[in-house]
């Protein structure tokens, strides 16, 4: 996953620091980030020295144009707190936030996405939501403060779940997993298989989110809900929490009986019948490890959970907790992606 760094670590403790020439800068235009293409064709973020060479009269929001956000792989990251313009140099270009997954360096992707998360927080909280006074930055912690009413605003993190629903097909004597594809109605252009996902609502537990999201999107009831792992997903301010569970056909049969319904619980293949919410999903299928395809990169928690099912490491929630280390995951990535694995040797 993108937060699995190749060396070093992420130091996200806030400090009031002034930028140096070789510090990296995340510059934003709309929902696009500024990158540069190196002579060896690798991607990188611009440095403070480069930005200062052509920024001209770029406007910024707070009392300082640059704001330190974190240190990653021994490099300091700053945000340009305003709208960036296109540099004249051809080596620099803007890339959409959802395209940031394309660079081969997980470290670069993770750093850019995390900085984008903080940029959106600064952008959306320039004024106090209580009294509309312009906010100021606290110098001791990462918080925006209203000088009028004293309201303190911290970065927003949204809890969400990723759900791998499994099923043991006794007729075919095989384990299957429920894979989905987003509906175009959601605005997602992601064409690859994924897992059921959704945000946690107010007053709801994570386990409750699992049950509700699976039922709302596929009409299935689930049981044996077990936690796997979490992932920060900064493109949409999420903290994703992954769960495995099983389709609960007994609960679905009991509901049918209570409602005097005659709908089939299992289809002709012996799999639970899926009732898609077509506003959310365009595809929902039960697939065996041999039938399923993975996503094209190994950046997401969704893909790691799919990878573990395909590799036979988790075919049921009962297989958790799993005694896996990061090298185990990297070995599986090499096995299934080969030379398309993801270069973490590129230093930021």
C-alpha atoms as a PDB file:
ATOM      1  CA  UNK A   1       0.000   0.000   0.000  1.00  0.00           C
ATOM      2  CA  UNK A   2       1.111   3.564  -0.519  1.00  0.00           C
ATOM      3  CA  UNK A   3       1.958   4.170   3.149  1.00  0.00           C
ATOM      4  CA  UNK A   4       4.401   1.228   3.190  1.00  0.00           C
ATOM      5  CA  UNK A   5       7.543   3.286   2.746  1.00  0.00           C
ATOM      6  CA  UNK A   6      10.693   1.883   1.195  1.00  0.00           C
ATOM      7  CA  UNK A   7      13.001   3.479   3.768  1.00  0.00           C
ATOM      8  CA  UNK A   8      12.829   6.103   6.497  1.00  0.00           C
ATOM      9  CA  UNK A   9       9.484   7.204   7.877  1.00  0.00           C
ATOM     10  CA  UNK A  10       6.805   9.892   7.871  1.00  0.00           C
ATOM     11  CA  UNK A  11       7.315  12.530  10.565  1.00  0.00           C
ATOM     12  CA  UNK A  12       4.013  14.405  10.640  1.00  0.00           C
ATOM     13  CA  UNK A  13       4.625  16.429  13.810  1.00  0.00           C
ATOM     14  CA  UNK A  14       3.826  20.053  13.075  1.00  0.00           C
ATOM     15  CA  UNK A  15       6.633  22.602  13.290  1.00  0.00           C
ATOM     16  CA  UNK A  16       6.759  26.233  12.281  1.00  0.00           C
ATOM     17  CA  UNK A  17       9.640  26.050   9.826  1.00  0.00           C
ATOM     18  CA  UNK A  18      10.860  28.299   7.038  1.00  0.00           C
ATOM     19  CA  UNK A  19      11.516  26.630   3.671  1.00  0.00           C
ATOM     20  CA  UNK A  20      15.010  25.950   2.355  1.00  0.00           C
ATOM     21  CA  UNK A  21      15.939  25.859  -1.329  1.00  0.00           C
ATOM     22  CA  UNK A  22      15.942  22.065  -1.691  1.00  0.00           C
ATOM     23  CA  UNK A  23      12.684  21.437   0.224  1.00  0.00           C
ATOM     24  CA  UNK A  24       9.838  19.974  -1.839  1.00  0.00           C
ATOM     25  CA  UNK A  25       6.690  21.974  -2.570  1.00  0.00           C
ATOM     26  CA  UNK A  26       3.184  20.764  -3.398  1.00  0.00           C
ATOM     27  CA  UNK A  27       1.548  23.377  -5.634  1.00  0.00           C
ATOM     28  CA  UNK A  28      -2.135  23.040  -6.530  1.00  0.00           C
ATOM     29  CA  UNK A  29      -4.341  24.262  -9.340  1.00  0.00           C
ATOM     30  CA  UNK A  30      -7.959  23.172  -8.863  1.00  0.00           C
ATOM     31  CA  UNK A  31      -7.661  19.454  -8.137  1.00  0.00           C
ATOM     32  CA  UNK A  32      -4.318  19.049  -9.906  1.00  0.00           C
ATOM     33  CA  UNK A  33      -0.814  18.911  -8.451  1.00  0.00           C
ATOM     34  CA  UNK A  34       2.369  20.260 -10.028  1.00  0.00           C
ATOM     35  CA  UNK A  35       5.095  17.759 -10.958  1.00  0.00           C
ATOM     36  CA  UNK A  36       8.282  17.851 -12.962  1.00  0.00           C
ATOM     37  CA  UNK A  37       9.735  15.281 -15.355  1.00  0.00           C
ATOM     38  CA  UNK A  38      13.392  14.477 -14.665  1.00  0.00           C
ATOM     39  CA  UNK A  39      15.961  13.691 -17.350  1.00  0.00           C
ATOM     40  CA  UNK A  40      15.678   9.972 -16.512  1.00  0.00           C
ATOM     41  CA  UNK A  41      11.897  10.238 -17.109  1.00  0.00           C
ATOM     42  CA  UNK A  42      11.007   9.827 -13.426  1.00  0.00           C
ATOM     43  CA  UNK A  43       8.547  12.146 -11.738  1.00  0.00           C
ATOM     44  CA  UNK A  44       9.310  14.509  -8.880  1.00  0.00           C
ATOM     45  CA  UNK A  45       7.839  17.470  -7.052  1.00  0.00           C
ATOM     46  CA  UNK A  46       9.319  20.940  -7.567  1.00  0.00           C
ATOM     47  CA  UNK A  47      11.713  22.383  -5.013  1.00  0.00           C
ATOM     48  CA  UNK A  48      11.417  25.748  -3.298  1.00  0.00           C
ATOM     49  CA  UNK A  49      14.287  27.052  -5.447  1.00  0.00           C
ATOM     50  CA  UNK A  50      12.452  26.097  -8.626  1.00  0.00           C
ATOM     51  CA  UNK A  51       9.148  27.595  -7.486  1.00  0.00           C
ATOM     52  CA  UNK A  52      10.864  30.831  -6.499  1.00  0.00           C
ATOM     53  CA  UNK A  53      12.445  30.994  -9.948  1.00  0.00           C
ATOM     54  CA  UNK A  54       9.118  31.429 -11.760  1.00  0.00           C
ATOM     55  CA  UNK A  55       6.219  31.996  -9.352  1.00  0.00           C
ATOM     56  CA  UNK A  56       6.003  35.740  -9.964  1.00  0.00           C
ATOM     57  CA  UNK A  57       2.908  37.228  -8.306  1.00  0.00           C
ATOM     58  CA  UNK A  58       1.154  34.045  -7.254  1.00  0.00           C
ATOM     59  CA  UNK A  59      -1.368  34.901  -4.551  1.00  0.00           C
ATOM     60  CA  UNK A  60      -1.463  33.106  -1.211  1.00  0.00           C
ATOM     61  CA  UNK A  61      -3.944  32.963   1.663  1.00  0.00           C
ATOM     62  CA  UNK A  62      -2.169  33.252   4.991  1.00  0.00           C
ATOM     63  CA  UNK A  63       0.626  35.502   6.178  1.00  0.00           C
ATOM     64  CA  UNK A  64       3.233  33.163   4.648  1.00  0.00           C
ATOM     65  CA  UNK A  65       3.192  31.605   1.164  1.00  0.00           C
ATOM     66  CA  UNK A  66       4.733  28.305   2.294  1.00  0.00           C
ATOM     67  CA  UNK A  67       3.526  26.077   5.125  1.00  0.00           C
ATOM     68  CA  UNK A  68       5.559  23.122   6.402  1.00  0.00           C
ATOM     69  CA  UNK A  69       3.464  19.933   6.502  1.00  0.00           C
ATOM     70  CA  UNK A  70       5.726  16.919   7.186  1.00  0.00           C
ATOM     71  CA  UNK A  71       9.046  15.194   6.584  1.00  0.00           C
ATOM     72  CA  UNK A  72       8.999  12.067   4.423  1.00  0.00           C
ATOM     73  CA  UNK A  73      12.033   9.971   3.543  1.00  0.00           C
ATOM     74  CA  UNK A  74      14.283  12.665   5.013  1.00  0.00           C
ATOM     75  CA  UNK A  75      12.823  15.341   2.699  1.00  0.00           C
ATOM     76  CA  UNK A  76      10.771  18.246   4.042  1.00  0.00           C
ATOM     77  CA  UNK A  77       7.436  18.930   2.335  1.00  0.00           C
ATOM     78  CA  UNK A  78       5.825  22.371   2.134  1.00  0.00           C
ATOM     79  CA  UNK A  79       2.530  23.550   0.684  1.00  0.00           C
ATOM     80  CA  UNK A  80       2.104  26.600  -1.477  1.00  0.00           C
ATOM     81  CA  UNK A  81      -1.051  28.004   0.141  1.00  0.00           C
ATOM     82  CA  UNK A  82      -2.692  29.542  -2.888  1.00  0.00           C
ATOM     83  CA  UNK A  83      -3.451  28.883  -6.530  1.00  0.00           C
ATOM     84  CA  UNK A  84      -0.466  27.828  -8.605  1.00  0.00           C
ATOM     85  CA  UNK A  85      -0.024  28.819 -12.252  1.00  0.00           C
ATOM     86  CA  UNK A  86       1.565  26.880 -15.084  1.00  0.00           C
ATOM     87  CA  UNK A  87       5.356  27.393 -15.206  1.00  0.00           C
ATOM     88  CA  UNK A  88       6.876  28.257 -18.559  1.00  0.00           C
ATOM     89  CA  UNK A  89       9.312  25.336 -18.410  1.00  0.00           C
ATOM     90  CA  UNK A  90       7.999  22.298 -20.325  1.00  0.00           C
ATOM     91  CA  UNK A  91       9.347  19.872 -17.724  1.00  0.00           C
ATOM     92  CA  UNK A  92       6.636  20.992 -15.281  1.00  0.00           C
ATOM     93  CA  UNK A  93       3.009  19.961 -15.623  1.00  0.00           C
ATOM     94  CA  UNK A  94      -0.143  19.484 -13.552  1.00  0.00           C
ATOM     95  CA  UNK A  95      -1.539  16.021 -12.807  1.00  0.00           C
ATOM     96  CA  UNK A  96      -5.018  15.222 -11.440  1.00  0.00           C
ATOM     97  CA  UNK A  97      -5.189  13.914  -7.881  1.00  0.00           C
ATOM     98  CA  UNK A  98      -6.615  10.577  -9.026  1.00  0.00           C
ATOM     99  CA  UNK A  99      -3.791  10.231 -11.555  1.00  0.00           C
ATOM    100  CA  UNK A 100      -1.185  10.575  -8.823  1.00  0.00           C
ATOM    101  CA  UNK A 101      -1.425   6.782  -8.433  1.00  0.00           C
ATOM    102  CA  UNK A 102       0.302   6.418 -11.801  1.00  0.00           C
ATOM    103  CA  UNK A 103       3.874   7.296 -10.696  1.00  0.00           C
ATOM    104  CA  UNK A 104       5.940   4.200 -10.038  1.00  0.00           C
ATOM    105  CA  UNK A 105       7.210   5.482  -6.691  1.00  0.00           C
ATOM    106  CA  UNK A 106       4.874   4.724  -3.811  1.00  0.00           C
ATOM    107  CA  UNK A 107       6.746   7.242  -1.690  1.00  0.00           C
ATOM    108  CA  UNK A 108       6.065  10.063  -4.147  1.00  0.00           C
ATOM    109  CA  UNK A 109       2.412   9.072  -4.411  1.00  0.00           C
ATOM    110  CA  UNK A 110       1.972   8.890  -0.634  1.00  0.00           C
ATOM    111  CA  UNK A 111       3.677  12.230  -0.049  1.00  0.00           C
ATOM    112  CA  UNK A 112       1.679  14.029  -2.725  1.00  0.00           C
ATOM    113  CA  UNK A 113      -1.660  12.567  -1.582  1.00  0.00           C
ATOM    114  CA  UNK A 114      -1.030  13.379   2.078  1.00  0.00           C
ATOM    115  CA  UNK A 115      -0.019  16.940   1.247  1.00  0.00           C
ATOM    116  CA  UNK A 116      -3.154  17.285  -0.906  1.00  0.00           C
ATOM    117  CA  UNK A 117      -5.263  16.267   2.114  1.00  0.00           C
ATOM    118  CA  UNK A 118      -3.750  19.116   4.132  1.00  0.00           C
ATOM    119  CA  UNK A 119      -4.037  21.597   1.250  1.00  0.00           C
ATOM    120  CA  UNK A 120      -7.793  20.964   1.060  1.00  0.00           C
ATOM    121  CA  UNK A 121      -8.096  21.506   4.818  1.00  0.00           C
ATOM    122  CA  UNK A 122      -6.290  24.846   4.637  1.00  0.00           C
ATOM    123  CA  UNK A 123      -8.301  25.896   1.586  1.00  0.00           C
ATOM    124  CA  UNK A 124     -11.681  25.004   3.101  1.00  0.00           C
ATOM    125  CA  UNK A 125     -11.043  26.654   6.475  1.00  0.00           C
ATOM    126  CA  UNK A 126      -9.747  30.078   5.512  1.00  0.00           C
ATOM    127  CA  UNK A 127     -12.720  31.518   7.401  1.00  0.00           C
ATOM    128  CA  UNK A 128     -14.321  30.495  10.672  1.00  0.00           C
ATOM    129  CA  UNK A 129     -17.503  28.484  10.123  1.00  0.00           C
ATOM    130  CA  UNK A 130     -19.021  29.967  13.285  1.00  0.00           C
ATOM    131  CA  UNK A 131     -18.465  33.718  12.844  1.00  0.00           C
ATOM    132  CA  UNK A 132     -16.869  34.045   9.350  1.00  0.00           C
ATOM    133  CA  UNK A 133     -13.690  35.718  10.663  1.00  0.00           C
ATOM    134  CA  UNK A 134     -10.480  34.923   8.712  1.00  0.00           C
ATOM    135  CA  UNK A 135      -8.595  32.173  10.548  1.00  0.00           C
ATOM    136  CA  UNK A 136      -4.972  32.230  11.690  1.00  0.00           C
ATOM    137  CA  UNK A 137      -2.496  29.394  12.034  1.00  0.00           C
ATOM    138  CA  UNK A 138      -1.547  28.240  15.518  1.00  0.00           C
ATOM    139  CA  UNK A 139       2.225  28.181  15.893  1.00  0.00           C
ATOM    140  CA  UNK A 140       2.433  25.252  18.325  1.00  0.00           C
ATOM    141  CA  UNK A 141       0.241  22.643  16.598  1.00  0.00           C
ATOM    142  CA  UNK A 142      -1.467  21.967  13.292  1.00  0.00           C
ATOM    143  CA  UNK A 143      -4.645  23.910  13.935  1.00  0.00           C
ATOM    144  CA  UNK A 144      -6.401  26.947  12.526  1.00  0.00           C
ATOM    145  CA  UNK A 145      -7.709  29.389  15.126  1.00  0.00           C
ATOM    146  CA  UNK A 146     -10.414  32.038  14.911  1.00  0.00           C
ATOM    147  CA  UNK A 147      -9.122  35.250  16.566  1.00  0.00           C
ATOM    148  CA  UNK A 148     -12.690  36.436  17.096  1.00  0.00           C
ATOM    149  CA  UNK A 149     -14.521  33.544  18.786  1.00  0.00           C
ATOM    150  CA  UNK A 150     -11.576  31.253  19.631  1.00  0.00           C
ATOM    151  CA  UNK A 151     -12.783  28.273  17.610  1.00  0.00           C
ATOM    152  CA  UNK A 152     -10.007  25.767  16.854  1.00  0.00           C
ATOM    153  CA  UNK A 153     -10.114  23.729  13.656  1.00  0.00           C
ATOM    154  CA  UNK A 154      -8.110  20.524  13.180  1.00  0.00           C
ATOM    155  CA  UNK A 155      -7.554  18.507   9.981  1.00  0.00           C
ATOM    156  CA  UNK A 156     -10.592  16.418   9.066  1.00  0.00           C
ATOM    157  CA  UNK A 157     -10.308  12.634   8.802  1.00  0.00           C
ATOM    158  CA  UNK A 158     -13.315  10.630   7.566  1.00  0.00           C
ATOM    159  CA  UNK A 159     -13.739   6.994   8.696  1.00  0.00           C
ATOM    160  CA  UNK A 160     -14.761   4.558   5.969  1.00  0.00           C
ATOM    161  CA  UNK A 161     -14.809   0.797   5.489  1.00  0.00           C
ATOM    162  CA  UNK A 162     -13.562  -1.549   2.785  1.00  0.00           C
ATOM    163  CA  UNK A 163     -15.427  -4.878   2.859  1.00  0.00           C
ATOM    164  CA  UNK A 164     -14.383  -8.216   1.393  1.00  0.00           C
ATOM    165  CA  UNK A 165     -17.477 -10.455   1.411  1.00  0.00           C
ATOM    166  CA  UNK A 166     -16.581 -14.129   1.002  1.00  0.00           C
ATOM    167  CA  UNK A 167     -18.709 -17.180   0.280  1.00  0.00           C
ATOM    168  CA  UNK A 168     -18.020 -20.913   0.451  1.00  0.00           C
ATOM    169  CA  UNK A 169     -19.863 -22.433  -2.508  1.00  0.00           C
ATOM    170  CA  UNK A 170     -20.560 -25.970  -1.359  1.00  0.00           C
ATOM    171  CA  UNK A 171     -22.038 -26.967  -4.727  1.00  0.00           C
ATOM    172  CA  UNK A 172     -18.823 -26.164  -6.560  1.00  0.00           C
ATOM    173  CA  UNK A 173     -16.547 -26.798  -3.541  1.00  0.00           C
ATOM    174  CA  UNK A 174     -14.768 -23.465  -3.955  1.00  0.00           C
ATOM    175  CA  UNK A 175     -14.357 -20.166  -2.110  1.00  0.00           C
ATOM    176  CA  UNK A 176     -15.532 -16.967  -3.803  1.00  0.00           C
ATOM    177  CA  UNK A 177     -15.286 -13.235  -3.177  1.00  0.00           C
ATOM    178  CA  UNK A 178     -17.752 -10.477  -4.042  1.00  0.00           C
ATOM    179  CA  UNK A 179     -16.187  -7.973  -6.456  1.00  0.00           C
ATOM    180  CA  UNK A 180     -17.833  -4.805  -7.701  1.00  0.00           C
ATOM    181  CA  UNK A 181     -17.368  -1.934 -10.135  1.00  0.00           C
ATOM    182  CA  UNK A 182     -18.578   1.609  -9.564  1.00  0.00           C
ATOM    183  CA  UNK A 183     -21.561   2.956 -11.455  1.00  0.00           C
ATOM    184  CA  UNK A 184     -20.883   5.940 -13.760  1.00  0.00           C
ATOM    185  CA  UNK A 185     -23.602   7.714 -11.757  1.00  0.00           C
ATOM    186  CA  UNK A 186     -21.156   8.073  -8.856  1.00  0.00           C
ATOM    187  CA  UNK A 187     -18.714  10.094 -10.955  1.00  0.00           C
ATOM    188  CA  UNK A 188     -15.997   7.450 -10.491  1.00  0.00           C
ATOM    189  CA  UNK A 189     -14.217   6.491 -13.706  1.00  0.00           C
ATOM    190  CA  UNK A 190     -12.351   3.624 -11.984  1.00  0.00           C
ATOM    191  CA  UNK A 191     -12.813   0.657 -14.378  1.00  0.00           C
ATOM    192  CA  UNK A 192     -11.310  -2.114 -12.252  1.00  0.00           C
ATOM    193  CA  UNK A 193     -12.791  -4.550  -9.768  1.00  0.00           C
ATOM    194  CA  UNK A 194     -12.995  -3.325  -6.200  1.00  0.00           C
ATOM    195  CA  UNK A 195     -14.683  -4.224  -2.909  1.00  0.00           C
ATOM    196  CA  UNK A 196     -17.798  -2.821  -1.288  1.00  0.00           C
ATOM    197  CA  UNK A 197     -16.949   0.448   0.471  1.00  0.00           C
ATOM    198  CA  UNK A 198     -18.649   3.307   2.262  1.00  0.00           C
ATOM    199  CA  UNK A 199     -18.408   6.050   4.865  1.00  0.00           C
ATOM    200  CA  UNK A 200     -19.327   5.608   8.523  1.00  0.00           C
ATOM    201  CA  UNK A 201     -22.386   7.649   9.475  1.00  0.00           C
ATOM    202  CA  UNK A 202     -22.967   9.609  12.676  1.00  0.00           C
ATOM    203  CA  UNK A 203     -23.801   7.310  15.594  1.00  0.00           C
ATOM    204  CA  UNK A 204     -22.687   4.199  13.709  1.00  0.00           C
ATOM    205  CA  UNK A 205     -20.028   1.625  14.567  1.00  0.00           C
ATOM    206  CA  UNK A 206     -17.580   0.374  11.957  1.00  0.00           C
ATOM    207  CA  UNK A 207     -19.213  -3.058  12.080  1.00  0.00           C
ATOM    208  CA  UNK A 208     -22.576  -1.389  11.584  1.00  0.00           C
ATOM    209  CA  UNK A 209     -21.177   0.397   8.531  1.00  0.00           C
ATOM    210  CA  UNK A 210     -20.052  -2.952   7.108  1.00  0.00           C
ATOM    211  CA  UNK A 211     -23.529  -4.462   7.482  1.00  0.00           C
ATOM    212  CA  UNK A 212     -25.339  -1.395   6.143  1.00  0.00           C
ATOM    213  CA  UNK A 213     -23.099  -0.718   3.144  1.00  0.00           C
ATOM    214  CA  UNK A 214     -23.102  -4.331   1.973  1.00  0.00           C
ATOM    215  CA  UNK A 215     -26.885  -4.534   2.282  1.00  0.00           C
ATOM    216  CA  UNK A 216     -27.529  -1.169   0.631  1.00  0.00           C
ATOM    217  CA  UNK A 217     -25.233  -1.827  -2.324  1.00  0.00           C
ATOM    218  CA  UNK A 218     -25.802  -5.568  -2.908  1.00  0.00           C
ATOM    219  CA  UNK A 219     -28.859  -6.669  -0.890  1.00  0.00           C
ATOM    220  CA  UNK A 220     -26.754  -9.199   1.035  1.00  0.00           C
ATOM    221  CA  UNK A 221     -26.696  -9.824   4.780  1.00  0.00           C
ATOM    222  CA  UNK A 222     -23.308 -10.646   6.318  1.00  0.00           C
ATOM    223  CA  UNK A 223     -21.896 -12.275   9.442  1.00  0.00           C
ATOM    224  CA  UNK A 224     -18.540 -13.090  11.051  1.00  0.00           C
ATOM    225  CA  UNK A 225     -17.181  -9.570  10.556  1.00  0.00           C
ATOM    226  CA  UNK A 226     -13.434  -9.412  11.270  1.00  0.00           C
ATOM    227  CA  UNK A 227     -11.008  -6.514  11.043  1.00  0.00           C
ATOM    228  CA  UNK A 228      -7.940  -6.792   8.798  1.00  0.00           C
ATOM    229  CA  UNK A 229      -5.986  -3.512   8.436  1.00  0.00           C
ATOM    230  CA  UNK A 230      -6.302   0.261   7.934  1.00  0.00           C
ATOM    231  CA  UNK A 231      -5.009   2.777   5.401  1.00  0.00           C
ATOM    232  CA  UNK A 232      -4.950   6.573   5.133  1.00  0.00           C
ATOM    233  CA  UNK A 233      -6.493   7.521   1.772  1.00  0.00           C
ATOM    234  CA  UNK A 234      -5.903  11.216   1.459  1.00  0.00           C
ATOM    235  CA  UNK A 235      -7.439  11.814  -1.971  1.00  0.00           C
ATOM    236  CA  UNK A 236     -10.816  12.049  -0.198  1.00  0.00           C
ATOM    237  CA  UNK A 237      -9.656  12.649   3.411  1.00  0.00           C
ATOM    238  CA  UNK A 238     -10.387   9.033   4.428  1.00  0.00           C
ATOM    239  CA  UNK A 239      -9.060   6.634   6.981  1.00  0.00           C
ATOM    240  CA  UNK A 240     -10.022   3.301   5.438  1.00  0.00           C
ATOM    241  CA  UNK A 241     -10.577   0.249   7.634  1.00  0.00           C
ATOM    242  CA  UNK A 242     -10.659  -3.152   5.961  1.00  0.00           C
ATOM    243  CA  UNK A 243     -12.943  -5.975   7.054  1.00  0.00           C
ATOM    244  CA  UNK A 244     -13.563  -9.521   5.888  1.00  0.00           C
ATOM    245  CA  UNK A 245     -16.999 -11.092   6.409  1.00  0.00           C
ATOM    246  CA  UNK A 246     -19.241 -13.860   5.072  1.00  0.00           C
ATOM    247  CA  UNK A 247     -22.550 -13.798   3.254  1.00  0.00           C
ATOM    248  CA  UNK A 248     -25.283 -14.796   5.739  1.00  0.00           C
ATOM    249  CA  UNK A 249     -27.835 -16.792   3.762  1.00  0.00           C
ATOM    250  CA  UNK A 250     -29.595 -17.964   6.927  1.00  0.00           C
ATOM    251  CA  UNK A 251     -30.404 -14.367   7.845  1.00  0.00           C
ATOM    252  CA  UNK A 252     -31.674 -13.727   4.319  1.00  0.00           C
ATOM    253  CA  UNK A 253     -33.877 -16.850   4.463  1.00  0.00           C
ATOM    254  CA  UNK A 254     -35.283 -15.746   7.818  1.00  0.00           C
ATOM    255  CA  UNK A 255     -36.135 -12.322   6.380  1.00  0.00           C
ATOM    256  CA  UNK A 256     -37.892 -13.945   3.428  1.00  0.00           C
ATOM    257  CA  UNK A 257     -39.909 -16.145   5.750  1.00  0.00           C
ATOM    258  CA  UNK A 258     -40.905 -13.201   7.943  1.00  0.00           C
ATOM    259  CA  UNK A 259     -42.088 -11.272   4.871  1.00  0.00           C
ATOM    260  CA  UNK A 260     -43.701 -14.321   3.203  1.00  0.00           C
ATOM    261  CA  UNK A 261     -41.395 -13.686   0.249  1.00  0.00           C
ATOM    262  CA  UNK A 262     -40.501 -16.353  -2.281  1.00  0.00           C
ATOM    263  CA  UNK A 263     -37.331 -14.790  -3.725  1.00  0.00           C
ATOM    264  CA  UNK A 264     -34.444 -17.187  -4.326  1.00  0.00           C
ATOM    265  CA  UNK A 265     -31.523 -16.856  -1.935  1.00  0.00           C
ATOM    266  CA  UNK A 266     -29.026 -18.710  -4.131  1.00  0.00           C
ATOM    267  CA  UNK A 267     -28.591 -18.447  -7.903  1.00  0.00           C
ATOM    268  CA  UNK A 268     -28.098 -21.306 -10.368  1.00  0.00           C
ATOM    269  CA  UNK A 269     -24.388 -21.498  -9.469  1.00  0.00           C
ATOM    270  CA  UNK A 270     -25.097 -21.835  -5.755  1.00  0.00           C
ATOM    271  CA  UNK A 271     -24.016 -18.254  -4.928  1.00  0.00           C
ATOM    272  CA  UNK A 272     -26.066 -15.702  -2.962  1.00  0.00           C
ATOM    273  CA  UNK A 273     -28.235 -13.612  -5.287  1.00  0.00           C
ATOM    274  CA  UNK A 274     -26.934 -10.041  -5.626  1.00  0.00           C
ATOM    275  CA  UNK A 275     -29.359  -7.108  -5.861  1.00  0.00           C
ATOM    276  CA  UNK A 276     -27.282  -4.137  -7.026  1.00  0.00           C
ATOM    277  CA  UNK A 277     -27.947  -0.553  -6.091  1.00  0.00           C
ATOM    278  CA  UNK A 278     -27.395   0.740  -9.619  1.00  0.00           C
ATOM    279  CA  UNK A 279     -26.856   4.283  -8.372  1.00  0.00           C
ATOM    280  CA  UNK A 280     -23.685   3.021  -6.667  1.00  0.00           C
ATOM    281  CA  UNK A 281     -22.561  -0.029  -8.651  1.00  0.00           C
ATOM    282  CA  UNK A 282     -22.698  -1.268 -12.228  1.00  0.00           C
ATOM    283  CA  UNK A 283     -21.249  -4.710 -11.545  1.00  0.00           C
ATOM    284  CA  UNK A 284     -21.392  -7.208  -8.697  1.00  0.00           C
ATOM    285  CA  UNK A 285     -20.085 -10.753  -9.188  1.00  0.00           C
ATOM    286  CA  UNK A 286     -18.915 -13.775  -7.193  1.00  0.00           C
ATOM    287  CA  UNK A 287     -15.489 -14.870  -8.430  1.00  0.00           C
ATOM    288  CA  UNK A 288     -13.038 -17.604  -7.514  1.00  0.00           C
ATOM    289  CA  UNK A 289      -9.341 -16.790  -6.956  1.00  0.00           C
ATOM    290  CA  UNK A 290      -8.592 -18.063 -10.472  1.00  0.00           C
ATOM    291  CA  UNK A 291     -11.338 -15.953 -12.078  1.00  0.00           C
ATOM    292  CA  UNK A 292     -10.625 -12.639 -10.377  1.00  0.00           C
ATOM    293  CA  UNK A 293      -8.264  -9.944 -11.661  1.00  0.00           C
ATOM    294  CA  UNK A 294      -6.344  -7.498  -9.504  1.00  0.00           C
ATOM    295  CA  UNK A 295      -6.046  -3.747  -9.873  1.00  0.00           C
ATOM    296  CA  UNK A 296      -3.129  -2.465 -11.963  1.00  0.00           C
ATOM    297  CA  UNK A 297      -1.185  -1.134  -8.966  1.00  0.00           C
ATOM    298  CA  UNK A 298      -0.524  -2.268  -5.414  1.00  0.00           C
ATOM    299  CA  UNK A 299      -1.277   1.041  -3.721  1.00  0.00           C
ATOM    300  CA  UNK A 300      -4.662   0.400  -2.110  1.00  0.00           C
ATOM    301  CA  UNK A 301      -5.966  -1.535   0.865  1.00  0.00           C
ATOM    302  CA  UNK A 302      -8.696  -2.835  -1.464  1.00  0.00           C
ATOM    303  CA  UNK A 303      -6.140  -4.417  -3.765  1.00  0.00           C
ATOM    304  CA  UNK A 304      -4.122  -5.901  -0.880  1.00  0.00           C
ATOM    305  CA  UNK A 305      -7.241  -7.619   0.459  1.00  0.00           C
ATOM    306  CA  UNK A 306      -8.063  -8.899  -3.031  1.00  0.00           C
ATOM    307  CA  UNK A 307      -4.458 -10.075  -3.429  1.00  0.00           C
ATOM    308  CA  UNK A 308      -4.617 -12.064  -0.194  1.00  0.00           C
ATOM    309  CA  UNK A 309      -7.790 -13.809  -1.355  1.00  0.00           C
ATOM    310  CA  UNK A 310      -6.351 -14.575  -4.790  1.00  0.00           C
ATOM    311  CA  UNK A 311      -3.159 -15.945  -3.217  1.00  0.00           C
ATOM    312  CA  UNK A 312      -5.151 -18.226  -0.910  1.00  0.00           C
ATOM    313  CA  UNK A 313      -4.014 -16.524   2.289  1.00  0.00           C
ATOM    314  CA  UNK A 314      -7.526 -15.433   3.323  1.00  0.00           C
ATOM    315  CA  UNK A 315     -10.550 -17.312   1.980  1.00  0.00           C
ATOM    316  CA  UNK A 316     -12.693 -16.752   5.064  1.00  0.00           C
ATOM    317  CA  UNK A 317     -12.793 -14.305   7.972  1.00  0.00           C
ATOM    318  CA  UNK A 318     -11.830 -17.291  10.127  1.00  0.00           C
ATOM    319  CA  UNK A 319      -8.332 -17.043   8.575  1.00  0.00           C
ATOM    320  CA  UNK A 320      -7.788 -13.809  10.546  1.00  0.00           C
ATOM    321  CA  UNK A 321      -5.738 -12.587  12.252  1.00  0.00           C
ATOM    322  CA  UNK A 322      -3.091 -13.314   9.658  1.00  0.00           C
ATOM    323  CA  UNK A 323       0.567 -13.472  10.637  1.00  0.00           C
ATOM    324  CA  UNK A 324       1.807 -11.289   7.779  1.00  0.00           C
ATOM    325  CA  UNK A 325       4.762  -8.919   7.647  1.00  0.00           C
ATOM    326  CA  UNK A 326       5.519  -6.301   5.004  1.00  0.00           C
ATOM    327  CA  UNK A 327       8.080  -8.581   3.273  1.00  0.00           C
ATOM    328  CA  UNK A 328       5.345 -11.233   2.968  1.00  0.00           C
ATOM    329  CA  UNK A 329       3.123  -8.745   1.145  1.00  0.00           C
ATOM    330  CA  UNK A 330       6.002  -7.592  -1.070  1.00  0.00           C
ATOM    331  CA  UNK A 331       6.691 -11.220  -2.008  1.00  0.00           C
ATOM    332  CA  UNK A 332       3.064 -11.667  -3.050  1.00  0.00           C
ATOM    333  CA  UNK A 333       3.188  -8.445  -5.065  1.00  0.00           C
ATOM    334  CA  UNK A 334       6.260  -9.712  -6.899  1.00  0.00           C
ATOM    335  CA  UNK A 335       4.522 -13.037  -7.512  1.00  0.00           C
ATOM    336  CA  UNK A 336       1.437 -11.489  -9.075  1.00  0.00           C
ATOM    337  CA  UNK A 337       2.885  -8.310 -10.602  1.00  0.00           C
ATOM    338  CA  UNK A 338       6.421  -9.383 -11.498  1.00  0.00           C
ATOM    339  CA  UNK A 339       8.387  -6.566 -13.102  1.00  0.00           C
ATOM    340  CA  UNK A 340       5.323  -4.349 -12.808  1.00  0.00           C
ATOM    341  CA  UNK A 341       5.951  -4.110  -9.096  1.00  0.00           C
ATOM    342  CA  UNK A 342       6.444  -0.620  -7.798  1.00  0.00           C
ATOM    343  CA  UNK A 343       9.820   1.000  -7.606  1.00  0.00           C
ATOM    344  CA  UNK A 344      10.524   2.344  -4.145  1.00  0.00           C
ATOM    345  CA  UNK A 345      14.172   3.081  -4.827  1.00  0.00           C
ATOM    346  CA  UNK A 346      13.417   6.525  -6.292  1.00  0.00           C
ATOM    347  CA  UNK A 347      14.467   9.025  -3.670  1.00  0.00           C
ATOM    348  CA  UNK A 348      12.287  12.071  -3.245  1.00  0.00           C
END
